[in-house]
Amino acid sequence: MRQSQLFTETQREAPKDEKSKNSQLLIRAGFIDKLMAGVYSYLPLGFLVLKKIENIIREEIQKIGGQELFLPALHPKENWLKTSRWQQKEMFKLKSRSGKDCSLGWTHEEIITPLVKKFVKSYKNLPVAVYQIQTKFRDELRAKSGLLRGVEFIMKDLYSFHQDEEDLDKYYEKVKKAYFQIFKRCGLAKQTFLTLASGGTFSKYSHEFQVITPYGEDTIYLCPKCKLAINKEIIKEEKYKCSKCQTKKLEIKRAIEVGNIFKLKDKFSRPFDFTFVNREGKKKLILMGCYGIGLPRLMGAIVEVCHDEKGIIWPREVAPFQVHLIPLAETSSHFAPYPVWPGSVIENTQKVKKISQKLYQDLQEARIEVLYDDREDKTAGEKFADADLIGIPLRIVVSERTLRKNCLELKQREKKEIKLVRINQVKKYVK
């Protein structure tokens, strides 16, 4: 994409009302725009990142048998009355002109359970795992920290259905592994830890996936030996011990929750009378599990971890582009009337442009995603500042100085080192 065609621009200063790093940097770099507290628009660069995260999640969930569907966001009151959750304060409630009470979905257990019940009748139909990636709405009183706590947000929610606890436990472990792979591909492998947490109204305990960062909202107690953690909310119940090795030598860390998994068991199958016929011909209640990842929250967590004083440092798989191509050429209009002679400023400018455009085309043909900074009204300093702020993994600079050596300048965003690579080797190096 040509950067001159982006309708958005970077900002030198962060909005004064934004305190979190993720919102400051994402707004400044032109990835998101704040409509109101907890509600954001995803601009072209931000939407590219969001789709990369979505595709990673989709690939890993499908590997463990998840079937994708898409459920309504508008829910009838009667489904929520069955589970006695209509009075939940987080729900946005509304009434149609015909007088029907509805809500906007902030979770989908009440919708998916009776839906799957229509099709699953026997043990032969089990297990089943279905998921969606959809917008949720939560009347959040503490909408803060940018993308980390929103009122409107995108969630991947996976639901699994089983004939017994053994089968549920097996799938639960599969999801754990899939989640770690998702966070690894999103560049958070070293910072993500499985954390024992409260199960809320579902079960005694659940598991969270917490990303260690000084900017986190949660406090966890981490066992450095087992790499397992306990959420502060239940640390007293565990008597300050690691759930695996029982050590009391736990490190207190700040963290961001990027995913959670629950064993629902018959919490929702019971009120919907969701049963199946087992091998012995007897009716039994279906057991369920649910597994969530908030996509914007994950995007925000990546930025909280992957940044420096200059801007964002996107991990490769979620970056909006892989290469930021920057030509540095003299573009002043006062050279226009003068003739072109070998070695003149005009000839050098034309050469920089020609090689930049050719490289842009070559990289695109090689299916390498490129943001081409073809803006002619920006100085080299402004282009470099924008490149650091936006945070694309690899920067390629074409300039008169590098062309004299028949080379281009390559720099990885997270490193200080600059390499000179011969022009005919650049595409190979990038790959």
Protein backbone atom coordinates (compact mmCIF):
# COMPACT_ATOMS: atom_id res chain seq x y z
CA MET A 1 0.00 0.00 0.00
CA ARG A 2 1.16 3.52 -0.75
CA GLN A 3 1.32 5.55 2.43
CA SER A 4 0.14 8.66 0.58
CA GLN A 5 -3.19 6.88 0.05
CA LEU A 6 -3.82 6.31 3.75
CA PHE A 7 -6.53 8.76 4.80
CA THR A 8 -5.20 8.65 8.36
CA GLU A 9 -2.11 10.38 9.73
CA THR A 10 0.15 9.94 12.71
CA GLN A 11 -0.05 12.31 15.68
CA ARG A 12 2.94 13.76 17.48
CA GLU A 13 1.20 13.87 20.87
CA ALA A 14 -1.03 11.36 22.63
CA PRO A 15 -4.59 12.43 23.62
CA LYS A 16 -4.53 13.94 27.10
CA ASP A 17 -7.35 11.72 28.38
CA GLU A 18 -5.55 8.47 27.47
CA LYS A 19 -3.39 7.01 30.24
CA SER A 20 -2.60 3.50 28.93
CA LYS A 21 0.32 2.85 26.61
CA ASN A 22 -1.76 0.81 24.17
CA SER A 23 -4.31 3.56 23.58
CA GLN A 24 -1.70 6.31 23.43
CA LEU A 25 0.44 4.55 20.84
CA LEU A 26 -2.39 3.05 18.78
CA ILE A 27 -4.15 6.42 18.50
CA ARG A 28 -0.94 8.31 17.74
CA ALA A 29 0.11 5.79 15.09
CA GLY A 30 -3.30 5.88 13.37
CA PHE A 31 -4.49 2.36 14.24
CA ILE A 32 -7.61 3.23 16.24
CA ASP A 33 -9.84 6.21 17.00
CA LYS A 34 -11.80 6.70 20.20
CA LEU A 35 -15.52 7.34 19.79
CA MET A 36 -16.29 7.30 23.51
CA ALA A 37 -15.06 5.51 26.63
CA GLY A 38 -14.69 1.83 25.83
CA VAL A 39 -15.69 2.18 22.15
CA TYR A 40 -13.13 2.45 19.35
CA SER A 41 -13.05 2.56 15.56
CA TYR A 42 -10.41 0.39 13.90
CA LEU A 43 -8.70 2.39 11.18
CA PRO A 44 -7.10 0.69 8.13
CA LEU A 45 -3.80 -0.14 9.88
CA GLY A 46 -5.56 -1.30 13.03
CA PHE A 47 -8.05 -3.41 11.10
CA LEU A 48 -5.18 -5.19 9.35
CA VAL A 49 -3.70 -6.13 12.74
CA LEU A 50 -7.08 -7.22 14.07
CA LYS A 51 -7.62 -9.51 11.06
CA LYS A 52 -4.14 -11.03 11.52
CA ILE A 53 -5.00 -11.86 15.14
CA GLU A 54 -8.37 -13.22 14.08
CA ASN A 55 -6.80 -15.50 11.47
CA ILE A 56 -4.24 -16.87 13.95
CA ILE A 57 -7.03 -17.69 16.41
CA ARG A 58 -9.17 -19.25 13.69
CA GLU A 59 -6.33 -21.47 12.44
CA GLU A 60 -5.44 -22.77 15.91
CA ILE A 61 -9.02 -23.38 17.04
CA GLN A 62 -9.86 -25.25 13.86
CA LYS A 63 -6.86 -27.50 14.48
CA ILE A 64 -8.57 -28.77 17.65
CA GLY A 65 -11.88 -29.39 15.91
CA GLY A 66 -13.64 -26.06 16.39
CA GLN A 67 -16.42 -25.42 13.86
CA GLU A 68 -17.06 -21.74 13.18
CA LEU A 69 -20.52 -20.24 13.24
CA PHE A 70 -21.99 -16.80 13.82
CA LEU A 71 -24.65 -16.16 16.44
CA PRO A 72 -27.08 -13.27 16.87
CA ALA A 73 -26.07 -10.29 19.00
CA LEU A 74 -29.73 -9.57 19.82
CA HIS A 75 -31.04 -11.99 22.46
CA PRO A 76 -34.61 -12.70 23.68
CA LYS A 77 -35.31 -12.25 27.39
CA GLU A 78 -36.74 -15.74 27.84
CA ASN A 79 -33.39 -17.46 27.19
CA TRP A 80 -31.79 -15.46 29.98
CA LEU A 81 -34.69 -16.07 32.35
CA LYS A 82 -34.04 -19.82 32.06
CA THR A 83 -30.58 -19.38 33.55
CA SER A 84 -31.62 -16.64 36.01
CA ARG A 85 -29.13 -14.23 34.47
CA TRP A 86 -31.55 -11.61 33.12
CA GLN A 87 -30.75 -9.36 36.08
CA GLN A 88 -27.03 -9.22 35.31
CA LYS A 89 -25.92 -5.59 35.56
CA GLU A 90 -23.52 -5.89 32.61
CA MET A 91 -26.36 -6.41 30.13
CA PHE A 92 -27.60 -3.74 27.76
CA LYS A 93 -31.38 -4.20 27.72
CA LEU A 94 -33.88 -2.80 25.24
CA LYS A 95 -37.51 -3.15 24.25
CA SER A 96 -38.80 -3.44 20.68
CA ARG A 97 -41.75 -1.40 19.42
CA SER A 98 -43.88 -4.52 19.77
CA GLY A 99 -42.99 -4.65 23.46
CA LYS A 100 -40.57 -7.59 23.30
CA ASP A 101 -37.72 -7.46 25.84
CA CYS A 102 -34.28 -8.15 24.41
CA SER A 103 -30.64 -7.69 25.28
CA LEU A 104 -27.37 -7.17 23.44
CA GLY A 105 -25.13 -10.20 23.86
CA TRP A 106 -22.18 -9.91 26.23
CA THR A 107 -21.77 -13.70 26.25
CA HIS A 108 -23.53 -16.52 24.38
CA GLU A 109 -24.10 -19.54 26.65
CA GLU A 110 -27.86 -18.86 26.61
CA ILE A 111 -27.90 -18.91 22.82
CA ILE A 112 -25.47 -21.70 21.91
CA THR A 113 -26.83 -24.26 24.40
CA PRO A 114 -30.40 -24.53 23.02
CA LEU A 115 -29.03 -24.27 19.47
CA VAL A 116 -26.71 -27.29 19.80
CA LYS A 117 -29.46 -29.14 21.67
CA LYS A 118 -31.50 -29.17 18.45
CA PHE A 119 -28.87 -31.31 16.73
CA VAL A 120 -27.14 -33.38 19.42
CA LYS A 121 -29.26 -36.29 20.70
CA SER A 122 -26.87 -39.20 21.21
CA TYR A 123 -23.37 -40.01 22.43
CA LYS A 124 -22.63 -40.68 18.74
CA ASN A 125 -22.91 -36.92 18.11
CA LEU A 126 -20.34 -36.07 20.77
CA PRO A 127 -18.00 -34.36 21.37
CA VAL A 128 -18.87 -31.10 19.61
CA ALA A 129 -16.89 -27.83 19.60
CA VAL A 130 -18.24 -24.65 18.02
CA TYR A 131 -16.90 -21.12 18.11
CA GLN A 132 -17.53 -17.65 16.79
CA ILE A 133 -15.68 -14.35 16.48
CA GLN A 134 -18.24 -11.65 17.16
CA THR A 135 -18.89 -8.24 18.68
CA LYS A 136 -20.00 -8.22 22.33
CA PHE A 137 -21.59 -5.46 24.38
CA ARG A 138 -21.00 -5.02 28.10
CA ASP A 139 -22.23 -2.14 30.24
CA GLU A 140 -18.79 -1.70 31.77
CA LEU A 141 -18.57 0.87 34.56
CA ARG A 142 -14.76 0.85 34.43
CA ALA A 143 -14.20 1.31 30.70
CA LYS A 144 -10.55 2.26 30.78
CA SER A 145 -7.02 1.26 29.76
CA GLY A 146 -7.70 1.64 26.05
CA LEU A 147 -8.48 -1.68 24.40
CA LEU A 148 -8.03 -3.63 27.62
CA ARG A 149 -11.48 -2.92 29.04
CA GLY A 150 -14.18 -2.04 26.55
CA VAL A 151 -17.94 -1.56 26.32
CA GLU A 152 -18.07 -2.85 22.73
CA PHE A 153 -15.43 -5.42 21.82
CA ILE A 154 -14.75 -8.44 19.63
CA MET A 155 -14.57 -11.84 21.29
CA LYS A 156 -13.68 -15.34 20.20
CA ASP A 157 -15.90 -17.64 22.25
CA LEU A 158 -15.55 -21.39 21.90
CA TYR A 159 -18.03 -23.84 23.44
CA SER A 160 -17.49 -27.58 23.78
CA PHE A 161 -20.03 -30.32 24.56
CA HIS A 162 -19.15 -33.69 26.12
CA GLN A 163 -20.66 -36.92 27.41
CA ASP A 164 -18.49 -37.17 30.53
CA GLU A 165 -15.87 -35.36 32.59
CA GLU A 166 -13.01 -37.39 31.16
CA ASP A 167 -13.84 -36.20 27.65
CA LEU A 168 -14.27 -32.61 28.89
CA ASP A 169 -10.90 -32.74 30.65
CA LYS A 170 -9.16 -34.00 27.50
CA TYR A 171 -10.57 -31.20 25.39
CA TYR A 172 -9.80 -28.64 28.09
CA GLU A 173 -6.12 -29.63 27.85
CA LYS A 174 -6.23 -29.32 24.05
CA VAL A 175 -7.53 -25.79 24.39
CA LYS A 176 -4.72 -24.90 26.82
CA LYS A 177 -2.14 -25.95 24.24
CA ALA A 178 -3.95 -24.14 21.44
CA TYR A 179 -4.08 -20.95 23.51
CA PHE A 180 -0.37 -21.05 24.23
CA GLN A 181 0.25 -21.48 20.49
CA ILE A 182 -1.99 -18.49 19.72
CA PHE A 183 -0.14 -16.24 22.16
CA LYS A 184 3.21 -17.51 20.89
CA ARG A 185 2.29 -16.58 17.31
CA CYS A 186 1.16 -13.18 18.58
CA GLY A 187 4.65 -12.56 19.99
CA LEU A 188 3.80 -13.11 23.67
CA ALA A 189 5.30 -16.57 24.32
CA LYS A 190 7.78 -15.44 26.98
CA GLN A 191 5.29 -13.26 28.83
CA THR A 192 2.21 -15.54 28.97
CA PHE A 193 1.49 -17.74 32.00
CA LEU A 194 -1.33 -20.09 32.91
CA THR A 195 -3.01 -18.67 36.01
CA LEU A 196 -5.43 -20.35 38.40
CA ALA A 197 -8.40 -18.05 38.95
CA SER A 198 -11.89 -17.95 40.36
CA GLY A 199 -14.52 -19.86 38.40
CA GLY A 200 -17.15 -17.26 39.26
CA THR A 201 -20.65 -18.70 39.12
CA PHE A 202 -19.50 -21.53 36.83
CA SER A 203 -17.10 -23.57 38.93
CA LYS A 204 -14.73 -23.26 41.88
CA TYR A 205 -11.74 -22.49 39.65
CA SER A 206 -10.99 -21.52 36.08
CA HIS A 207 -7.78 -20.71 34.24
CA GLU A 208 -6.62 -17.39 32.87
CA PHE A 209 -3.78 -16.68 30.47
CA GLN A 210 -1.96 -13.69 31.94
CA VAL A 211 0.66 -11.59 30.14
CA ILE A 212 3.32 -10.13 32.42
CA THR A 213 3.80 -6.40 31.98
CA PRO A 214 4.34 -3.46 34.39
CA TYR A 215 1.25 -1.87 32.79
CA GLY A 216 -1.09 -4.76 33.71
CA GLU A 217 -4.36 -4.37 35.60
CA ASP A 218 -4.18 -7.70 37.47
CA THR A 219 -1.87 -8.95 40.21
CA ILE A 220 -0.71 -12.55 40.00
CA TYR A 221 1.59 -14.72 42.11
CA LEU A 222 4.00 -16.57 39.82
CA CYS A 223 5.93 -19.74 40.61
CA PRO A 224 9.28 -19.29 38.79
CA LYS A 225 9.91 -23.04 38.86
CA CYS A 226 6.61 -24.35 37.44
CA LYS A 227 5.78 -21.24 35.39
CA LEU A 228 2.28 -21.39 36.86
CA ALA A 229 0.53 -18.50 38.59
CA ILE A 230 -2.35 -17.81 40.95
CA ASN A 231 -4.61 -14.80 40.69
CA LYS A 232 -4.60 -12.45 43.67
CA GLU A 233 -8.36 -12.97 44.03
CA ILE A 234 -7.93 -16.59 45.21
CA ILE A 235 -4.41 -16.55 46.66
CA LYS A 236 -5.75 -16.86 50.23
CA GLU A 237 -7.77 -19.96 49.30
CA GLU A 238 -4.57 -21.62 48.07
CA LYS A 239 -2.72 -20.54 51.23
CA TYR A 240 -0.04 -18.76 49.20
CA LYS A 241 1.22 -21.97 47.55
CA CYS A 242 1.86 -22.96 43.94
CA SER A 243 -0.95 -25.24 42.80
CA LYS A 244 1.60 -27.73 41.38
CA CYS A 245 4.79 -27.84 43.50
CA GLN A 246 3.25 -26.25 46.63
CA THR A 247 6.13 -23.79 47.06
CA LYS A 248 5.42 -20.57 48.93
CA LYS A 249 8.18 -18.68 47.11
CA LEU A 250 6.00 -16.88 44.59
CA GLU A 251 6.86 -13.72 42.68
CA ILE A 252 4.29 -10.92 42.62
CA LYS A 253 3.74 -9.65 39.07
CA ARG A 254 1.47 -7.22 37.26
CA ALA A 255 -0.31 -8.78 34.28
CA ILE A 256 -3.01 -8.47 31.63
CA GLU A 257 -5.56 -11.27 31.17
CA VAL A 258 -5.67 -12.17 27.46
CA GLY A 259 -7.75 -15.36 27.64
CA ASN A 260 -9.78 -17.54 29.99
CA ILE A 261 -11.17 -21.07 30.02
CA PHE A 262 -13.94 -22.59 32.17
CA LYS A 263 -15.39 -26.01 32.81
CA LEU A 264 -19.08 -25.16 32.78
CA LYS A 265 -20.12 -28.79 33.36
CA ASP A 266 -23.96 -28.81 33.55
CA LYS A 267 -24.34 -25.14 34.55
CA PHE A 268 -26.21 -24.37 31.30
CA SER A 269 -27.27 -27.79 30.04
CA ARG A 270 -29.40 -28.29 33.15
CA PRO A 271 -31.70 -25.23 32.80
CA PHE A 272 -32.17 -26.01 29.09
CA ASP A 273 -32.68 -29.72 29.83
CA PHE A 274 -29.97 -30.56 27.31
CA THR A 275 -29.55 -34.32 27.57
CA PHE A 276 -28.23 -37.08 25.34
CA VAL A 277 -28.71 -40.85 25.23
CA ASN A 278 -25.55 -42.67 26.35
CA ARG A 279 -24.25 -46.11 25.27
CA GLU A 280 -26.50 -47.80 27.81
CA GLY A 281 -29.57 -46.05 26.42
CA LYS A 282 -29.93 -43.74 29.42
CA LYS A 283 -30.43 -39.99 29.35
CA LYS A 284 -27.63 -37.88 30.80
CA LEU A 285 -26.94 -34.17 30.98
CA ILE A 286 -24.41 -32.79 28.51
CA LEU A 287 -21.24 -31.33 30.06
CA MET A 288 -19.85 -28.09 28.65
CA GLY A 289 -16.73 -25.98 28.54
CA CYS A 290 -16.26 -22.39 27.38
CA TYR A 291 -13.10 -20.65 26.24
CA GLY A 292 -12.71 -16.94 25.47
CA ILE A 293 -10.18 -14.57 23.92
CA GLY A 294 -10.86 -10.84 23.51
CA LEU A 295 -9.25 -9.76 20.23
CA PRO A 296 -8.94 -6.03 21.01
CA ARG A 297 -7.64 -6.87 24.50
CA LEU A 298 -5.02 -9.15 22.93
CA MET A 299 -4.09 -6.40 20.47
CA GLY A 300 -3.75 -3.93 23.33
CA ALA A 301 -1.66 -6.38 25.37
CA ILE A 302 0.73 -6.87 22.45
CA VAL A 303 1.33 -3.12 22.31
CA GLU A 304 1.75 -2.87 26.09
CA VAL A 305 4.54 -5.46 25.88
CA CYS A 306 6.01 -4.69 22.45
CA HIS A 307 6.96 -1.01 22.38
CA ASP A 308 9.80 1.37 23.19
CA GLU A 309 10.14 5.13 23.64
CA LYS A 310 9.75 5.65 19.86
CA GLY A 311 6.60 3.62 19.26
CA ILE A 312 5.16 0.17 18.62
CA ILE A 313 7.26 -2.92 17.75
CA TRP A 314 4.83 -5.34 16.08
CA PRO A 315 5.61 -9.08 16.19
CA ARG A 316 5.91 -10.38 12.64
CA GLU A 317 2.69 -12.43 12.40
CA VAL A 318 0.39 -9.64 13.56
CA ALA A 319 2.12 -6.65 11.90
CA PRO A 320 -0.04 -4.71 9.43
CA PHE A 321 2.79 -4.99 6.88
CA GLN A 322 6.09 -6.85 6.89
CA VAL A 323 8.17 -4.12 5.20
CA HIS A 324 8.18 -0.34 5.46
CA LEU A 325 9.81 0.93 2.25
CA ILE A 326 11.16 4.49 2.57
CA PRO A 327 12.72 6.38 -0.34
CA LEU A 328 14.80 9.43 0.61
CA ALA A 329 14.97 11.71 -2.38
CA GLU A 330 15.21 15.45 -2.95
CA THR A 331 11.67 16.48 -3.87
CA SER A 332 11.89 20.28 -3.82
CA SER A 333 9.93 21.74 -6.72
CA HIS A 334 12.52 24.45 -7.44
CA PHE A 335 14.65 21.84 -9.21
CA ALA A 336 11.94 21.21 -11.81
CA PRO A 337 12.99 23.83 -14.43
CA TYR A 338 16.60 22.72 -14.45
CA PRO A 339 17.99 20.16 -16.92
CA VAL A 340 18.94 16.64 -15.89
CA TRP A 341 22.67 15.84 -16.07
CA PRO A 342 24.58 12.81 -14.83
CA GLY A 343 25.08 13.00 -11.08
CA SER A 344 22.71 15.94 -10.60
CA VAL A 345 20.22 16.14 -7.75
CA ILE A 346 17.37 15.60 -10.17
CA GLU A 347 18.93 12.49 -11.71
CA ASN A 348 19.64 11.04 -8.27
CA THR A 349 16.09 11.79 -7.17
CA GLN A 350 14.68 10.06 -10.22
CA LYS A 351 16.94 7.07 -9.63
CA VAL A 352 15.81 6.74 -6.00
CA LYS A 353 12.17 6.87 -7.08
CA LYS A 354 12.66 4.40 -9.91
CA ILE A 355 14.42 1.80 -7.75
CA SER A 356 11.91 2.28 -4.91
CA GLN A 357 8.94 1.74 -7.21
CA LYS A 358 10.57 -1.31 -8.81
CA LEU A 359 11.30 -2.83 -5.39
CA TYR A 360 7.75 -2.08 -4.27
CA GLN A 361 6.39 -3.98 -7.27
CA ASP A 362 8.84 -6.88 -6.83
CA LEU A 363 7.98 -7.33 -3.16
CA GLN A 364 4.25 -7.26 -3.89
CA GLU A 365 4.67 -9.86 -6.63
CA ALA A 366 6.54 -12.00 -4.08
CA ARG A 367 3.47 -11.66 -1.80
CA ILE A 368 5.38 -9.64 0.76
CA GLU A 369 3.21 -7.01 2.45
CA VAL A 370 4.70 -3.54 1.96
CA LEU A 371 3.83 -0.06 3.16
CA TYR A 372 5.51 2.24 0.63
CA ASP A 373 6.15 5.72 2.04
CA ASP A 374 5.81 7.62 -1.22
CA ARG A 375 4.90 10.90 0.51
CA GLU A 376 6.83 13.79 -1.03
CA ASP A 377 5.94 16.41 1.57
CA LYS A 378 7.75 14.70 4.46
CA THR A 379 11.37 15.04 5.53
CA ALA A 380 13.62 12.05 6.23
CA GLY A 381 13.26 12.72 9.96
CA GLU A 382 9.48 12.73 9.75
CA LYS A 383 9.44 9.50 7.76
CA PHE A 384 11.75 7.75 10.21
CA ALA A 385 9.71 8.98 13.19
CA ASP A 386 6.50 7.68 11.60
CA ALA A 387 8.14 4.35 10.78
CA ASP A 388 9.26 3.87 14.39
CA LEU A 389 5.83 4.87 15.71
CA ILE A 390 3.91 2.54 13.37
CA GLY A 391 6.30 -0.30 14.18
CA ILE A 392 6.48 -2.46 11.02
CA PRO A 393 9.10 -5.23 11.52
CA LEU A 394 11.53 -4.33 8.69
CA ARG A 395 12.48 -0.90 7.33
CA ILE A 396 14.12 -0.57 3.91
CA VAL A 397 15.63 2.79 2.99
CA VAL A 398 16.52 3.76 -0.57
CA SER A 399 18.75 6.82 -0.76
CA GLU A 400 21.43 8.41 -2.94
CA ARG A 401 24.08 7.40 -0.35
CA THR A 402 23.10 3.71 -0.37
CA LEU A 403 22.76 3.61 -4.16
CA ARG A 404 26.36 4.77 -4.57
CA LYS A 405 27.31 1.43 -3.01
CA ASN A 406 24.67 -0.41 -5.06
CA CYS A 407 22.98 -1.24 -1.73
CA LEU A 408 19.87 -0.52 0.28
CA GLU A 409 19.66 0.09 4.03
CA LEU A 410 17.76 -2.52 6.06
CA LYS A 411 16.88 -2.26 9.73
CA GLN A 412 14.74 -4.48 11.95
CA ARG A 413 12.43 -2.40 14.14
CA GLU A 414 13.52 -3.95 17.45
CA LYS A 415 17.25 -3.68 16.72
CA LYS A 416 19.70 -0.78 16.48
CA GLU A 417 21.89 -2.44 13.87
CA ILE A 418 21.58 -1.21 10.26
CA LYS A 419 22.63 -3.49 7.40
CA LEU A 420 23.62 -2.57 3.88
CA VAL A 421 22.33 -5.23 1.48
CA ARG A 422 23.05 -5.32 -2.23
CA ILE A 423 20.03 -4.38 -4.30
CA ASN A 424 19.80 -7.72 -6.09
CA GLN A 425 19.85 -9.55 -2.72
CA VAL A 426 17.19 -7.49 -0.93
CA LYS A 427 14.16 -9.58 -1.91
CA LYS A 428 15.96 -12.79 -0.87
CA TYR A 429 16.98 -11.21 2.46
CA VAL A 430 13.43 -10.06 3.18
CA LYS A 431 12.00 -13.53 2.49
